[in-house]
Amino acid sequence: MNASITGHTRLVIVGATGMVGNYALRHALNQASIDHVTVIGRRTLGFSHHKLSEVLHRDFSDCSALTQALTGQDAVVFCLGTYTGSVSDAELRKVTVDCTAEFARVLHNSSPGATFSFLSGSGADPSGRSRMAFARYKGEAEKTLLAAGFPRVYIFRPAYIYPVEPRKEPNFSYRLLRVIYPVFRVLFPNQVIPADDLARTMVDVTVQTADEHQRFVFENRDIRAMAECRPLRHSDRPGF
């Protein structure tokens, strides 16, 4: 039986100091169906909560030390990643593919019945034929997760993720997209998704009641549709 039926889901969030992961954490802590949240990351969050545990882990290329923390978990929302152009190609592949595969290995050994939700990206290419490194590596990570043996795997492929709260943008392209976002979302609604909508949808799908084996890939259009079906509540707004 899936733990969400009893309202005592134990959820792991990886990458909670990032934009999407932080919104996912905010939402998860406000859900009565989630009993406990374990955050695993390289940096501390800087706050405490009665439902929250933090595990600092610097090197995701070796997750063996996480065995105890990952034992007895019901689900994971995996948002670890980096921006294309901000690191070398080798580092991009290491973070996107190798670290994901290593974490999945340890999680499956520790909690083989866990649900795994992965933050991928629009254009991810599991065939490996794309000329874009980001697309190839995200596709390779997807293939690895789908073959890892988890009973439920959910792949989320957002397009442009709009940072709802102001932040320092990683490069010129993101600065430009933020400026033109009001027009861009009208002209190309299925090519954008607000970060908080994406995060809430990831958490809600991850902890849904599901006894059967499931494999789903959600494109940006699907994520928007699911987010629009669920009205924003005051408890989901920024802050705790």
C-alpha atoms as a PDB file:
ATOM      1  CA  MET A   1       0.000   0.000   0.000  1.00  0.00           C
ATOM      2  CA  ASN A   2       1.272   3.428  -0.905  1.00  0.00           C
ATOM      3  CA  ALA A   3       1.978   5.547   2.166  1.00  0.00           C
ATOM      4  CA  SER A   4      -0.053   8.488   0.852  1.00  0.00           C
ATOM      5  CA  ILE A   5      -3.230   6.495   1.530  1.00  0.00           C
ATOM      6  CA  THR A   6      -2.581   6.653   5.253  1.00  0.00           C
ATOM      7  CA  GLY A   7      -1.408  10.260   5.196  1.00  0.00           C
ATOM      8  CA  HIS A   8       2.054   9.420   6.474  1.00  0.00           C
ATOM      9  CA  THR A   9       4.245   9.844   3.428  1.00  0.00           C
ATOM     10  CA  ARG A  10       7.958  10.214   4.015  1.00  0.00           C
ATOM     11  CA  LEU A  11       9.327  12.394   1.217  1.00  0.00           C
ATOM     12  CA  VAL A  12      12.903  13.141   0.160  1.00  0.00           C
ATOM     13  CA  ILE A  13      13.738  16.330  -1.744  1.00  0.00           C
ATOM     14  CA  VAL A  14      17.102  16.670  -3.471  1.00  0.00           C
ATOM     15  CA  GLY A  15      18.081  20.157  -4.591  1.00  0.00           C
ATOM     16  CA  ALA A  16      15.886  22.098  -2.162  1.00  0.00           C
ATOM     17  CA  THR A  17      18.188  25.131  -2.229  1.00  0.00           C
ATOM     18  CA  GLY A  18      17.470  25.547  -5.941  1.00  0.00           C
ATOM     19  CA  MET A  19      14.506  27.428  -7.353  1.00  0.00           C
ATOM     20  CA  VAL A  20      12.129  24.532  -8.070  1.00  0.00           C
ATOM     21  CA  GLY A  21      13.325  22.409  -5.175  1.00  0.00           C
ATOM     22  CA  ASN A  22      12.736  25.245  -2.715  1.00  0.00           C
ATOM     23  CA  TYR A  23       9.154  25.712  -3.860  1.00  0.00           C
ATOM     24  CA  ALA A  24       8.666  21.947  -3.656  1.00  0.00           C
ATOM     25  CA  LEU A  25       9.872  22.010  -0.056  1.00  0.00           C
ATOM     26  CA  ARG A  26       7.554  24.886   0.883  1.00  0.00           C
ATOM     27  CA  HIS A  27       4.591  23.053  -0.560  1.00  0.00           C
ATOM     28  CA  ALA A  28       5.504  19.687   0.970  1.00  0.00           C
ATOM     29  CA  LEU A  29       5.814  21.086   4.479  1.00  0.00           C
ATOM     30  CA  ASN A  30       2.287  22.473   4.202  1.00  0.00           C
ATOM     31  CA  GLN A  31       0.700  19.160   3.202  1.00  0.00           C
ATOM     32  CA  ALA A  32      -1.078  17.128   5.889  1.00  0.00           C
ATOM     33  CA  SER A  33      -0.567  13.980   3.796  1.00  0.00           C
ATOM     34  CA  ILE A  34       3.209  14.323   4.123  1.00  0.00           C
ATOM     35  CA  ASP A  35       4.446  13.238   7.526  1.00  0.00           C
ATOM     36  CA  HIS A  36       8.124  14.021   7.139  1.00  0.00           C
ATOM     37  CA  VAL A  37      10.475  15.659   4.620  1.00  0.00           C
ATOM     38  CA  THR A  38      14.147  14.818   4.361  1.00  0.00           C
ATOM     39  CA  VAL A  39      16.197  17.337   2.405  1.00  0.00           C
ATOM     40  CA  ILE A  40      19.521  16.175   0.998  1.00  0.00           C
ATOM     41  CA  GLY A  41      21.829  18.827  -0.396  1.00  0.00           C
ATOM     42  CA  ARG A  42      25.224  20.460  -0.467  1.00  0.00           C
ATOM     43  CA  ARG A  43      24.148  23.552   1.513  1.00  0.00           C
ATOM     44  CA  THR A  44      22.019  24.154   4.590  1.00  0.00           C
ATOM     45  CA  LEU A  45      18.553  25.656   4.262  1.00  0.00           C
ATOM     46  CA  GLY A  46      18.938  28.088   7.120  1.00  0.00           C
ATOM     47  CA  PHE A  47      15.668  27.297   8.893  1.00  0.00           C
ATOM     48  CA  SER A  48      14.026  24.499  10.865  1.00  0.00           C
ATOM     49  CA  HIS A  49      10.584  22.868  10.833  1.00  0.00           C
ATOM     50  CA  HIS A  50       9.055  20.113  12.923  1.00  0.00           C
ATOM     51  CA  LYS A  51       8.520  17.945   9.824  1.00  0.00           C
ATOM     52  CA  LEU A  52      11.973  18.593   8.355  1.00  0.00           C
ATOM     53  CA  SER A  53      15.318  16.786   8.528  1.00  0.00           C
ATOM     54  CA  GLU A  54      18.430  17.969   6.709  1.00  0.00           C
ATOM     55  CA  VAL A  55      21.269  15.794   5.460  1.00  0.00           C
ATOM     56  CA  LEU A  56      24.366  17.535   4.106  1.00  0.00           C
ATOM     57  CA  HIS A  57      26.043  15.643   1.289  1.00  0.00           C
ATOM     58  CA  ARG A  58      28.773  17.276  -0.766  1.00  0.00           C
ATOM     59  CA  ASP A  59      29.559  14.682  -3.418  1.00  0.00           C
ATOM     60  CA  PHE A  60      26.628  13.125  -5.249  1.00  0.00           C
ATOM     61  CA  SER A  61      28.962  11.061  -7.390  1.00  0.00           C
ATOM     62  CA  ASP A  62      29.144   8.737  -4.353  1.00  0.00           C
ATOM     63  CA  CYS A  63      25.909   8.440  -2.372  1.00  0.00           C
ATOM     64  CA  SER A  64      26.840   5.376  -0.321  1.00  0.00           C
ATOM     65  CA  ALA A  65      26.817   7.455   2.869  1.00  0.00           C
ATOM     66  CA  LEU A  66      23.117   8.218   2.301  1.00  0.00           C
ATOM     67  CA  THR A  67      21.986   4.634   2.814  1.00  0.00           C
ATOM     68  CA  GLN A  68      20.614   5.223   6.307  1.00  0.00           C
ATOM     69  CA  ALA A  69      18.910   8.512   5.405  1.00  0.00           C
ATOM     70  CA  LEU A  70      17.232   6.895   2.393  1.00  0.00           C
ATOM     71  CA  THR A  71      15.989   3.808   4.212  1.00  0.00           C
ATOM     72  CA  GLY A  72      12.237   3.672   4.798  1.00  0.00           C
ATOM     73  CA  GLN A  73      11.386   6.512   2.420  1.00  0.00           C
ATOM     74  CA  ASP A  74       8.224   6.575   0.296  1.00  0.00           C
ATOM     75  CA  ALA A  75       9.096   9.034  -2.437  1.00  0.00           C
ATOM     76  CA  VAL A  76      11.687  11.459  -3.800  1.00  0.00           C
ATOM     77  CA  VAL A  77      11.472  14.697  -5.736  1.00  0.00           C
ATOM     78  CA  PHE A  78      14.836  15.010  -7.462  1.00  0.00           C
ATOM     79  CA  CYS A  79      15.708  18.564  -8.566  1.00  0.00           C
ATOM     80  CA  LEU A  80      19.505  18.417  -8.564  1.00  0.00           C
ATOM     81  CA  GLY A  81      20.954  20.076 -11.644  1.00  0.00           C
ATOM     82  CA  THR A  82      22.992  22.878 -13.160  1.00  0.00           C
ATOM     83  CA  TYR A  83      22.620  25.367 -15.988  1.00  0.00           C
ATOM     84  CA  THR A  84      24.018  24.724 -19.440  1.00  0.00           C
ATOM     85  CA  GLY A  85      26.964  27.033 -20.031  1.00  0.00           C
ATOM     86  CA  SER A  86      27.710  27.528 -16.353  1.00  0.00           C
ATOM     87  CA  VAL A  87      29.911  24.401 -16.174  1.00  0.00           C
ATOM     88  CA  SER A  88      32.017  22.341 -18.554  1.00  0.00           C
ATOM     89  CA  ASP A  89      30.426  19.648 -20.690  1.00  0.00           C
ATOM     90  CA  ALA A  90      32.031  16.968 -18.530  1.00  0.00           C
ATOM     91  CA  GLU A  91      30.622  18.524 -15.356  1.00  0.00           C
ATOM     92  CA  LEU A  92      27.200  18.923 -16.959  1.00  0.00           C
ATOM     93  CA  ARG A  93      27.084  15.225 -17.762  1.00  0.00           C
ATOM     94  CA  LYS A  94      28.385  14.278 -14.322  1.00  0.00           C
ATOM     95  CA  VAL A  95      25.685  16.264 -12.518  1.00  0.00           C
ATOM     96  CA  THR A  96      22.863  15.387 -14.910  1.00  0.00           C
ATOM     97  CA  VAL A  97      23.568  11.705 -15.534  1.00  0.00           C
ATOM     98  CA  ASP A  98      26.131  10.245 -13.151  1.00  0.00           C
ATOM     99  CA  CYS A  99      24.873  11.880  -9.944  1.00  0.00           C
ATOM    100  CA  THR A 100      21.280  11.009 -10.771  1.00  0.00           C
ATOM    101  CA  ALA A 101      22.163   7.378 -11.474  1.00  0.00           C
ATOM    102  CA  GLU A 102      24.229   7.067  -8.301  1.00  0.00           C
ATOM    103  CA  PHE A 103      21.498   8.537  -6.118  1.00  0.00           C
ATOM    104  CA  ALA A 104      18.900   6.261  -7.729  1.00  0.00           C
ATOM    105  CA  ARG A 105      21.105   3.234  -7.077  1.00  0.00           C
ATOM    106  CA  VAL A 106      21.394   3.918  -3.366  1.00  0.00           C
ATOM    107  CA  LEU A 107      17.734   4.879  -3.021  1.00  0.00           C
ATOM    108  CA  HIS A 108      16.565   1.699  -4.727  1.00  0.00           C
ATOM    109  CA  ASN A 109      18.797  -0.440  -2.515  1.00  0.00           C
ATOM    110  CA  SER A 110      17.486   1.358   0.576  1.00  0.00           C
ATOM    111  CA  SER A 111      13.814   1.881  -0.352  1.00  0.00           C
ATOM    112  CA  PRO A 112      12.983  -0.240  -3.413  1.00  0.00           C
ATOM    113  CA  GLY A 113       9.281   0.663  -3.280  1.00  0.00           C
ATOM    114  CA  ALA A 114       9.839   4.413  -3.415  1.00  0.00           C
ATOM    115  CA  THR A 115       8.329   6.681  -6.049  1.00  0.00           C
ATOM    116  CA  PHE A 116      10.873   8.710  -8.041  1.00  0.00           C
ATOM    117  CA  SER A 117      10.029  12.083  -9.631  1.00  0.00           C
ATOM    118  CA  PHE A 118      12.729  13.639 -11.793  1.00  0.00           C
ATOM    119  CA  LEU A 119      13.099  17.236 -12.955  1.00  0.00           C
ATOM    120  CA  SER A 120      14.137  16.812 -16.574  1.00  0.00           C
ATOM    121  CA  GLY A 121      13.618  19.384 -19.317  1.00  0.00           C
ATOM    122  CA  SER A 122      11.796  20.068 -22.556  1.00  0.00           C
ATOM    123  CA  GLY A 123      13.536  18.408 -25.489  1.00  0.00           C
ATOM    124  CA  ALA A 124      15.139  15.657 -23.426  1.00  0.00           C
ATOM    125  CA  ASP A 125      16.207  12.973 -25.892  1.00  0.00           C
ATOM    126  CA  PRO A 126      16.522   9.396 -24.594  1.00  0.00           C
ATOM    127  CA  SER A 127      17.703   8.303 -28.065  1.00  0.00           C
ATOM    128  CA  GLY A 128      20.927  10.276 -27.594  1.00  0.00           C
ATOM    129  CA  ARG A 129      20.749  11.757 -31.102  1.00  0.00           C
ATOM    130  CA  SER A 130      20.149  15.379 -30.134  1.00  0.00           C
ATOM    131  CA  ARG A 131      22.888  17.878 -30.934  1.00  0.00           C
ATOM    132  CA  MET A 132      22.209  19.610 -27.625  1.00  0.00           C
ATOM    133  CA  ALA A 133      24.240  18.217 -24.743  1.00  0.00           C
ATOM    134  CA  PHE A 134      21.534  19.145 -22.229  1.00  0.00           C
ATOM    135  CA  ALA A 135      18.916  17.175 -24.176  1.00  0.00           C
ATOM    136  CA  ARG A 136      21.160  14.120 -24.548  1.00  0.00           C
ATOM    137  CA  TYR A 137      22.157  14.060 -20.903  1.00  0.00           C
ATOM    138  CA  LYS A 138      18.644  14.592 -19.561  1.00  0.00           C
ATOM    139  CA  GLY A 139      17.449  11.838 -21.893  1.00  0.00           C
ATOM    140  CA  GLU A 140      20.169   9.501 -20.667  1.00  0.00           C
ATOM    141  CA  ALA A 141      19.225  10.214 -17.059  1.00  0.00           C
ATOM    142  CA  GLU A 142      15.577   9.482 -17.862  1.00  0.00           C
ATOM    143  CA  LYS A 143      16.483   6.117 -19.384  1.00  0.00           C
ATOM    144  CA  THR A 144      18.538   5.238 -16.330  1.00  0.00           C
ATOM    145  CA  LEU A 145      15.679   6.020 -13.954  1.00  0.00           C
ATOM    146  CA  LEU A 146      13.082   4.170 -15.994  1.00  0.00           C
ATOM    147  CA  ALA A 147      15.289   1.080 -15.899  1.00  0.00           C
ATOM    148  CA  ALA A 148      16.239   1.380 -12.218  1.00  0.00           C
ATOM    149  CA  GLY A 149      13.388  -0.782 -10.926  1.00  0.00           C
ATOM    150  CA  PHE A 150      11.257   1.764  -9.072  1.00  0.00           C
ATOM    151  CA  PRO A 151       7.534   0.943  -9.148  1.00  0.00           C
ATOM    152  CA  ARG A 152       6.584   4.511 -10.051  1.00  0.00           C
ATOM    153  CA  VAL A 153       8.719   6.947 -12.044  1.00  0.00           C
ATOM    154  CA  TYR A 154       7.478  10.385 -13.071  1.00  0.00           C
ATOM    155  CA  ILE A 155       9.504  12.466 -15.518  1.00  0.00           C
ATOM    156  CA  PHE A 156       8.773  16.201 -15.704  1.00  0.00           C
ATOM    157  CA  ARG A 157       9.914  18.097 -18.806  1.00  0.00           C
ATOM    158  CA  PRO A 158       9.271  21.820 -18.268  1.00  0.00           C
ATOM    159  CA  ALA A 159      10.189  24.376 -20.913  1.00  0.00           C
ATOM    160  CA  TYR A 160      11.094  27.865 -19.649  1.00  0.00           C
ATOM    161  CA  ILE A 161      10.660  27.893 -15.866  1.00  0.00           C
ATOM    162  CA  TYR A 162       9.631  31.373 -14.789  1.00  0.00           C
ATOM    163  CA  PRO A 163      11.236  32.435 -11.480  1.00  0.00           C
ATOM    164  CA  VAL A 164       8.244  33.868  -9.636  1.00  0.00           C
ATOM    165  CA  GLU A 165      10.409  35.620  -7.060  1.00  0.00           C
ATOM    166  CA  PRO A 166      13.273  37.922  -8.149  1.00  0.00           C
ATOM    167  CA  ARG A 167      16.659  36.267  -8.376  1.00  0.00           C
ATOM    168  CA  LYS A 168      20.056  36.729  -9.986  1.00  0.00           C
ATOM    169  CA  GLU A 169      19.644  35.166 -13.417  1.00  0.00           C
ATOM    170  CA  PRO A 170      22.385  32.720 -14.478  1.00  0.00           C
ATOM    171  CA  ASN A 171      22.992  34.216 -17.945  1.00  0.00           C
ATOM    172  CA  PHE A 172      21.788  36.737 -20.533  1.00  0.00           C
ATOM    173  CA  SER A 173      19.234  34.392 -22.075  1.00  0.00           C
ATOM    174  CA  TYR A 174      17.450  33.960 -18.758  1.00  0.00           C
ATOM    175  CA  ARG A 175      17.573  37.725 -18.102  1.00  0.00           C
ATOM    176  CA  LEU A 176      15.986  38.324 -21.495  1.00  0.00           C
ATOM    177  CA  LEU A 177      13.308  35.689 -20.994  1.00  0.00           C
ATOM    178  CA  ARG A 178      12.351  37.205 -17.661  1.00  0.00           C
ATOM    179  CA  VAL A 179      11.896  40.617 -19.287  1.00  0.00           C
ATOM    180  CA  ILE A 180       9.756  39.332 -22.170  1.00  0.00           C
ATOM    181  CA  TYR A 181       7.875  36.740 -20.101  1.00  0.00           C
ATOM    182  CA  PRO A 182       4.529  38.628 -20.022  1.00  0.00           C
ATOM    183  CA  VAL A 183       4.406  38.599 -23.819  1.00  0.00           C
ATOM    184  CA  PHE A 184       6.049  35.197 -24.221  1.00  0.00           C
ATOM    185  CA  ARG A 185       3.478  33.430 -22.027  1.00  0.00           C
ATOM    186  CA  VAL A 186       0.626  34.884 -24.093  1.00  0.00           C
ATOM    187  CA  LEU A 187       2.151  33.933 -27.436  1.00  0.00           C
ATOM    188  CA  PHE A 188       3.586  30.580 -26.351  1.00  0.00           C
ATOM    189  CA  PRO A 189       1.659  29.425 -23.250  1.00  0.00           C
ATOM    190  CA  ASN A 190       2.871  25.848 -23.539  1.00  0.00           C
ATOM    191  CA  GLN A 191       6.508  26.918 -23.522  1.00  0.00           C
ATOM    192  CA  VAL A 192       6.470  28.429 -20.038  1.00  0.00           C
ATOM    193  CA  ILE A 193       5.636  27.297 -16.509  1.00  0.00           C
ATOM    194  CA  PRO A 194       5.920  29.287 -13.251  1.00  0.00           C
ATOM    195  CA  ALA A 195       8.414  27.676 -10.871  1.00  0.00           C
ATOM    196  CA  ASP A 196       5.897  27.367  -8.033  1.00  0.00           C
ATOM    197  CA  ASP A 197       3.297  25.678 -10.256  1.00  0.00           C
ATOM    198  CA  LEU A 198       5.894  23.182 -11.457  1.00  0.00           C
ATOM    199  CA  ALA A 199       7.059  22.425  -7.919  1.00  0.00           C
ATOM    200  CA  ARG A 200       3.571  21.943  -6.491  1.00  0.00           C
ATOM    201  CA  THR A 201       2.621  19.664  -9.360  1.00  0.00           C
ATOM    202  CA  MET A 202       5.740  17.552  -8.868  1.00  0.00           C
ATOM    203  CA  VAL A 203       5.026  17.070  -5.169  1.00  0.00           C
ATOM    204  CA  ASP A 204       1.321  16.357  -5.651  1.00  0.00           C
ATOM    205  CA  VAL A 205       1.921  13.777  -8.376  1.00  0.00           C
ATOM    206  CA  THR A 206       4.717  12.154  -6.385  1.00  0.00           C
ATOM    207  CA  VAL A 207       2.644  11.550  -3.264  1.00  0.00           C
ATOM    208  CA  GLN A 208      -0.606  10.636  -5.010  1.00  0.00           C
ATOM    209  CA  THR A 209      -2.282   7.344  -4.165  1.00  0.00           C
ATOM    210  CA  ALA A 210      -1.040   4.712  -6.616  1.00  0.00           C
ATOM    211  CA  ASP A 211      -0.610   1.027  -5.855  1.00  0.00           C
ATOM    212  CA  GLU A 212       0.179  -0.055  -9.408  1.00  0.00           C
ATOM    213  CA  HIS A 213       3.390   0.366 -11.359  1.00  0.00           C
ATOM    214  CA  GLN A 214       3.393   3.613 -13.314  1.00  0.00           C
ATOM    215  CA  ARG A 215       5.712   5.331 -15.785  1.00  0.00           C
ATOM    216  CA  PHE A 216       4.733   8.788 -16.989  1.00  0.00           C
ATOM    217  CA  VAL A 217       6.494  11.565 -18.878  1.00  0.00           C
ATOM    218  CA  PHE A 218       4.873  14.960 -18.399  1.00  0.00           C
ATOM    219  CA  GLU A 219       5.629  17.594 -21.016  1.00  0.00           C
ATOM    220  CA  ASN A 220       5.202  21.306 -20.296  1.00  0.00           C
ATOM    221  CA  ARG A 221       1.623  21.256 -21.632  1.00  0.00           C
ATOM    222  CA  ASP A 222       0.727  18.430 -19.226  1.00  0.00           C
ATOM    223  CA  ILE A 223       2.283  20.191 -16.248  1.00  0.00           C
ATOM    224  CA  ARG A 224       0.356  23.394 -16.993  1.00  0.00           C
ATOM    225  CA  ALA A 225      -2.900  21.484 -17.278  1.00  0.00           C
ATOM    226  CA  MET A 226      -2.385  19.762 -13.928  1.00  0.00           C
ATOM    227  CA  ALA A 227      -1.365  23.018 -12.232  1.00  0.00           C
ATOM    228  CA  GLU A 228      -4.444  24.829 -13.555  1.00  0.00           C
ATOM    229  CA  CYS A 229      -6.704  22.123 -12.119  1.00  0.00           C
ATOM    230  CA  ARG A 230      -5.457  22.927  -8.636  1.00  0.00           C
ATOM    231  CA  PRO A 231      -6.144  26.458  -7.271  1.00  0.00           C
ATOM    232  CA  LEU A 232      -3.409  28.232  -5.340  1.00  0.00           C
ATOM    233  CA  ARG A 233      -4.113  28.222  -1.611  1.00  0.00           C
ATOM    234  CA  HIS A 234      -2.788  30.781   0.827  1.00  0.00           C
ATOM    235  CA  SER A 235      -0.658  28.132   2.534  1.00  0.00           C
ATOM    236  CA  ASP A 236       1.168  27.525  -0.755  1.00  0.00           C
ATOM    237  CA  ARG A 237       2.386  31.098  -1.104  1.00  0.00           C
ATOM    238  CA  PRO A 238       6.050  31.953  -0.370  1.00  0.00           C
ATOM    239  CA  GLY A 239       6.898  31.569   3.295  1.00  0.00           C
ATOM    240  CA  PHE A 240       6.063  28.929   5.877  1.00  0.00           C
END
